[in-house]
Amino acid sequence: MTLLSARNLSIAAGQRVLVEDVDLDIREGEVLGLVGESGSGKTVTCRALMRLLPPQLRIAGGSVALKGRDLVPLSEAEMRKVRGVEIGMIFQNPSSHLDPVMRIGDQIAESVRYHEGASPKEAKDRAIDLLRQVGIPDPAQRVGAFPHEFSGGMRQRAMIAVALACRPKLLIADEPTTALDVTVQAQVLRLLLDLRDRLGLAILLVTHNLGVVAQTCDSLAVMYAGRVMERGAKRDLLRTPAHPYTEALLKCQPGAA
């Protein structure tokens, strides 16, 4: 069953169109890889799905339907009930999206208290459980730590815990392994797949790394210059790409020659 469907989604800055007529479909429990080089429009597209575009950008056309409900015309107050509850997002750089002066546990609990009206104790217990789920050691102690006390990989796991606090059905992961070493990258990817299997999450995984795609995704959408060039099952696109840009991306991978 389709969970989220974007149709003819266009994003503009003034009169300049940055992303044009993007179509995406994400099924329940699916991992969809959104692939393309830096500047191709991947992150902007994801922010548009969440209605989190910066003020200078706007959705210029199209629809974003979540379980059949178009999110584009919703008010900001209505969107606040969607973000975190139905769609969670892992941002590219956890260091810039975790509050440096707020304890990790409080950042997880904040969403639970706001959306679910949980008591401080209930929210803290949920935070501890989420830290345990994402593989943070000694979560009952770590819940009181600040972001600077976590390693890069642990901050990324904490960001995942924040995104999952209210049990969304769709998780948007924007370059979740950027700036992590290879071993930690593999751990984070395994964690995402484990969460998908345990929680039934659908994941939109944004990356420029086809190695990551090969390990994790069920299907792919390839972006170039603000447009989706090609969509399809992972195996089909990696084995027999139909578009020259997809073929060029594959040739850029180490060992592709």
Protein backbone atom coordinates (compact mmCIF):
# COMPACT_ATOMS: atom_id res chain seq x y z
CA MET A 1 0.00 0.00 0.00
CA THR A 2 1.31 3.46 -0.93
CA LEU A 3 2.12 5.55 2.13
CA LEU A 4 3.33 8.76 0.50
CA SER A 5 2.90 9.92 -3.08
CA ALA A 6 4.31 13.12 -4.58
CA ARG A 7 3.01 14.22 -7.96
CA ASN A 8 4.41 17.00 -10.17
CA LEU A 9 6.14 18.54 -7.15
CA SER A 10 7.93 21.75 -8.11
CA ILE A 11 9.97 24.08 -5.90
CA ALA A 12 10.97 27.62 -6.78
CA ALA A 13 13.04 30.52 -5.50
CA GLY A 14 11.24 33.58 -6.81
CA GLN A 15 10.72 32.91 -10.52
CA ARG A 16 13.55 30.36 -10.72
CA VAL A 17 12.41 26.72 -10.62
CA LEU A 18 14.86 24.55 -8.66
CA VAL A 19 12.94 21.26 -8.64
CA GLU A 20 10.46 20.45 -11.38
CA ASP A 21 7.65 17.91 -11.67
CA VAL A 22 9.02 15.32 -9.24
CA ASP A 23 7.01 12.12 -8.83
CA LEU A 24 7.77 9.79 -5.90
CA ASP A 25 5.93 6.84 -4.38
CA ILE A 26 6.86 5.20 -1.08
CA ARG A 27 5.07 2.06 0.03
CA GLU A 28 4.62 0.95 3.62
CA GLY A 29 7.79 -0.76 4.86
CA GLU A 30 9.78 0.17 1.74
CA VAL A 31 13.25 1.71 1.61
CA LEU A 32 13.36 4.14 -1.33
CA GLY A 33 16.75 5.58 -2.25
CA LEU A 34 16.77 9.13 -3.62
CA VAL A 35 20.08 9.31 -5.46
CA GLY A 36 22.01 12.06 -7.23
CA GLU A 37 25.03 14.30 -7.08
CA SER A 38 25.28 17.26 -4.70
CA GLY A 39 23.02 20.08 -5.87
CA SER A 40 20.60 17.83 -7.73
CA GLY A 41 17.69 18.81 -5.48
CA LYS A 42 17.46 15.82 -3.13
CA THR A 43 17.50 17.68 0.19
CA VAL A 44 15.20 20.45 -1.05
CA THR A 45 12.72 17.83 -2.21
CA CYS A 46 12.75 16.12 1.18
CA ARG A 47 12.26 19.40 2.99
CA ALA A 48 9.31 20.12 0.72
CA LEU A 49 7.74 16.78 1.66
CA MET A 50 7.94 17.90 5.30
CA ARG A 51 6.94 21.51 4.48
CA LEU A 52 10.24 22.68 6.00
CA LEU A 53 11.54 24.82 3.15
CA PRO A 54 13.51 27.97 4.07
CA PRO A 55 11.60 31.24 3.62
CA GLN A 56 13.18 32.04 0.24
CA LEU A 57 11.84 28.81 -1.29
CA ARG A 58 8.26 27.77 -1.97
CA ILE A 59 6.29 24.84 -3.35
CA ALA A 60 5.35 26.13 -6.81
CA GLY A 61 3.09 23.25 -7.80
CA GLY A 62 2.09 19.66 -7.32
CA SER A 63 0.86 17.56 -4.42
CA VAL A 64 2.28 15.51 -1.55
CA ALA A 65 -0.26 12.96 -0.39
CA LEU A 66 0.28 11.09 2.88
CA LYS A 67 -2.20 8.22 3.14
CA GLY A 68 -4.25 10.07 0.52
CA ARG A 69 -4.24 13.44 2.33
CA ASP A 70 -2.54 16.30 0.46
CA LEU A 71 -0.07 18.07 2.78
CA VAL A 72 0.62 21.07 0.52
CA PRO A 73 -2.51 23.13 1.39
CA LEU A 74 -2.35 22.40 5.14
CA SER A 75 -1.79 25.26 7.56
CA GLU A 76 1.40 25.39 9.63
CA ALA A 77 -0.60 24.38 12.73
CA GLU A 78 -1.91 21.31 10.89
CA MET A 79 1.59 20.43 9.65
CA ARG A 80 2.94 20.49 13.20
CA LYS A 81 0.61 17.55 13.90
CA VAL A 82 2.15 15.67 10.96
CA ARG A 83 5.85 16.32 11.57
CA GLY A 84 7.29 13.88 14.06
CA VAL A 85 3.99 12.04 14.44
CA GLU A 86 3.45 10.70 10.91
CA ILE A 87 6.77 11.66 9.27
CA GLY A 88 10.12 11.82 11.06
CA MET A 89 13.32 13.25 9.61
CA ILE A 90 17.01 12.62 10.23
CA PHE A 91 18.92 15.68 9.14
CA GLN A 92 22.26 15.59 7.37
CA ASN A 93 24.35 17.05 10.19
CA PRO A 94 23.20 16.04 13.68
CA SER A 95 25.60 18.53 15.28
CA SER A 96 23.63 21.43 13.80
CA HIS A 97 20.18 19.95 14.55
CA LEU A 98 20.67 18.82 18.14
CA ASP A 99 20.44 21.65 20.67
CA PRO A 100 23.94 21.86 22.23
CA VAL A 101 22.66 23.15 25.59
CA MET A 102 19.79 20.67 25.97
CA ARG A 103 20.22 17.15 27.30
CA ILE A 104 19.71 14.37 24.74
CA GLY A 105 16.88 12.82 26.75
CA ASP A 106 15.03 16.12 26.97
CA GLN A 107 15.26 16.57 23.19
CA ILE A 108 13.67 13.17 22.66
CA ALA A 109 11.08 13.68 25.42
CA GLU A 110 10.06 17.13 24.17
CA SER A 111 8.26 15.69 21.15
CA VAL A 112 6.52 13.02 23.22
CA ARG A 113 5.25 15.56 25.72
CA TYR A 114 4.13 18.02 23.01
CA HIS A 115 2.32 15.55 20.76
CA GLU A 116 1.11 12.94 23.23
CA GLY A 117 0.71 14.91 26.45
CA ALA A 118 2.96 12.47 28.31
CA SER A 119 4.10 13.19 31.85
CA PRO A 120 7.79 14.03 32.44
CA LYS A 121 8.41 10.51 33.77
CA GLU A 122 6.61 8.82 30.87
CA ALA A 123 8.53 10.94 28.37
CA LYS A 124 11.86 10.18 30.05
CA ASP A 125 11.09 6.44 30.09
CA ARG A 126 10.29 6.64 26.36
CA ALA A 127 13.57 8.47 25.76
CA ILE A 128 15.53 5.77 27.60
CA ASP A 129 13.76 3.05 25.63
CA LEU A 130 14.46 4.81 22.32
CA LEU A 131 18.13 5.24 23.16
CA ARG A 132 18.22 1.52 23.91
CA GLN A 133 16.51 0.74 20.58
CA VAL A 134 19.06 2.73 18.59
CA GLY A 135 21.96 1.01 20.33
CA ILE A 136 23.20 3.67 22.77
CA PRO A 137 25.02 1.88 25.62
CA ASP A 138 23.82 2.50 29.19
CA PRO A 139 20.78 4.54 28.06
CA ALA A 140 19.57 5.31 31.59
CA GLN A 141 22.78 7.28 32.17
CA ARG A 142 23.23 8.63 28.64
CA VAL A 143 19.74 10.15 28.66
CA GLY A 144 21.19 12.96 30.79
CA ALA A 145 24.18 13.65 28.51
CA PHE A 146 24.65 16.66 26.24
CA PRO A 147 25.34 16.27 22.49
CA HIS A 148 29.02 17.19 22.84
CA GLU A 149 29.47 14.18 25.13
CA PHE A 150 28.46 11.84 22.27
CA SER A 151 30.67 10.69 19.41
CA GLY A 152 29.59 11.43 15.83
CA GLY A 153 28.01 8.01 15.43
CA MET A 154 26.20 8.31 18.76
CA ARG A 155 24.87 11.76 17.82
CA GLN A 156 23.48 10.26 14.62
CA ARG A 157 21.81 7.50 16.64
CA ALA A 158 20.41 10.13 19.02
CA MET A 159 19.02 12.03 16.03
CA ILE A 160 17.31 8.83 14.89
CA ALA A 161 15.82 8.43 18.38
CA VAL A 162 14.47 12.00 18.23
CA ALA A 163 12.92 11.31 14.81
CA LEU A 164 11.26 8.11 16.08
CA ALA A 165 9.98 9.53 19.38
CA CYS A 166 6.31 9.59 18.32
CA ARG A 167 6.44 6.40 16.23
CA PRO A 168 6.07 7.83 12.70
CA LYS A 169 5.40 5.49 9.78
CA LEU A 170 7.77 7.30 7.40
CA LEU A 171 11.37 8.23 8.18
CA ILE A 172 13.23 10.62 5.87
CA ALA A 173 16.98 10.08 6.25
CA ASP A 174 18.99 12.85 4.57
CA GLU A 175 22.55 11.56 4.00
CA PRO A 176 22.52 9.80 7.41
CA THR A 177 26.09 8.48 7.06
CA THR A 178 27.80 11.71 5.97
CA ALA A 179 31.07 12.43 7.84
CA LEU A 180 31.02 9.04 9.57
CA ASP A 181 33.83 6.53 9.13
CA VAL A 182 33.12 3.35 7.16
CA THR A 183 32.57 1.15 10.21
CA VAL A 184 30.09 3.56 11.82
CA GLN A 185 28.34 4.07 8.46
CA ALA A 186 27.70 0.35 8.28
CA GLN A 187 26.37 0.32 11.85
CA VAL A 188 23.93 3.18 11.15
CA LEU A 189 22.67 1.52 7.95
CA ARG A 190 22.16 -1.80 9.76
CA LEU A 191 20.28 0.08 12.48
CA LEU A 192 17.93 1.69 9.93
CA LEU A 193 17.15 -1.66 8.33
CA ASP A 194 16.61 -3.24 11.74
CA LEU A 195 14.19 -0.45 12.68
CA ARG A 196 12.38 -0.96 9.39
CA ASP A 197 11.98 -4.65 10.13
CA ARG A 198 10.94 -4.21 13.78
CA LEU A 199 8.72 -1.14 13.47
CA GLY A 200 7.40 -1.45 9.92
CA LEU A 201 8.93 1.88 8.95
CA ALA A 202 9.05 3.18 5.41
CA ILE A 203 12.34 5.00 4.79
CA LEU A 204 13.26 7.61 2.20
CA LEU A 205 17.04 7.40 2.13
CA VAL A 206 18.81 10.36 0.51
CA THR A 207 22.34 9.66 -0.67
CA HIS A 208 24.87 10.15 -3.45
CA ASN A 209 26.57 6.88 -2.53
CA LEU A 210 25.45 3.95 -4.69
CA GLY A 211 27.27 1.59 -2.34
CA VAL A 212 24.85 2.63 0.42
CA VAL A 213 21.96 2.15 -1.99
CA ALA A 214 23.07 -1.37 -2.91
CA GLN A 215 23.14 -2.37 0.78
CA THR A 216 19.85 -0.90 1.91
CA CYS A 217 17.27 0.11 -0.70
CA ASP A 218 14.37 -1.72 -2.33
CA SER A 219 13.85 0.84 -5.08
CA LEU A 220 15.53 3.97 -6.45
CA ALA A 221 14.74 7.40 -7.83
CA VAL A 222 17.64 9.14 -9.59
CA MET A 223 17.69 12.96 -9.54
CA TYR A 224 19.64 15.31 -11.76
CA ALA A 225 19.27 19.10 -12.09
CA GLY A 226 16.04 19.16 -10.11
CA ARG A 227 14.26 16.38 -11.98
CA VAL A 228 13.78 12.66 -11.44
CA MET A 229 15.51 11.01 -14.39
CA GLU A 230 14.63 7.41 -13.64
CA ARG A 231 12.70 5.33 -11.12
CA GLY A 232 12.46 1.62 -10.51
CA ALA A 233 13.52 -1.45 -8.56
CA LYS A 234 17.08 -1.30 -7.24
CA ARG A 235 18.31 -4.38 -9.06
CA ASP A 236 16.93 -3.23 -12.40
CA LEU A 237 18.46 0.24 -12.17
CA LEU A 238 21.85 -0.96 -10.99
CA ARG A 239 22.09 -3.75 -13.57
CA THR A 240 20.51 -2.12 -16.62
CA PRO A 241 20.13 1.65 -16.17
CA ALA A 242 17.84 3.18 -18.78
CA HIS A 243 19.03 6.78 -18.48
CA PRO A 244 22.55 7.99 -19.43
CA TYR A 245 22.87 9.91 -16.14
CA THR A 246 22.22 6.77 -14.08
CA GLU A 247 24.80 4.94 -16.18
CA ALA A 248 27.30 7.75 -15.60
CA LEU A 249 26.69 7.61 -11.84
CA LEU A 250 27.41 3.90 -11.84
CA LYS A 251 30.63 4.42 -13.75
CA CYS A 252 31.77 6.96 -11.15
CA GLN A 253 31.74 4.35 -8.40
CA PRO A 254 35.13 2.92 -7.33
CA GLY A 255 35.86 -0.24 -9.28
CA ALA A 256 33.12 0.46 -11.82
CA ALA A 257 35.56 0.58 -14.73
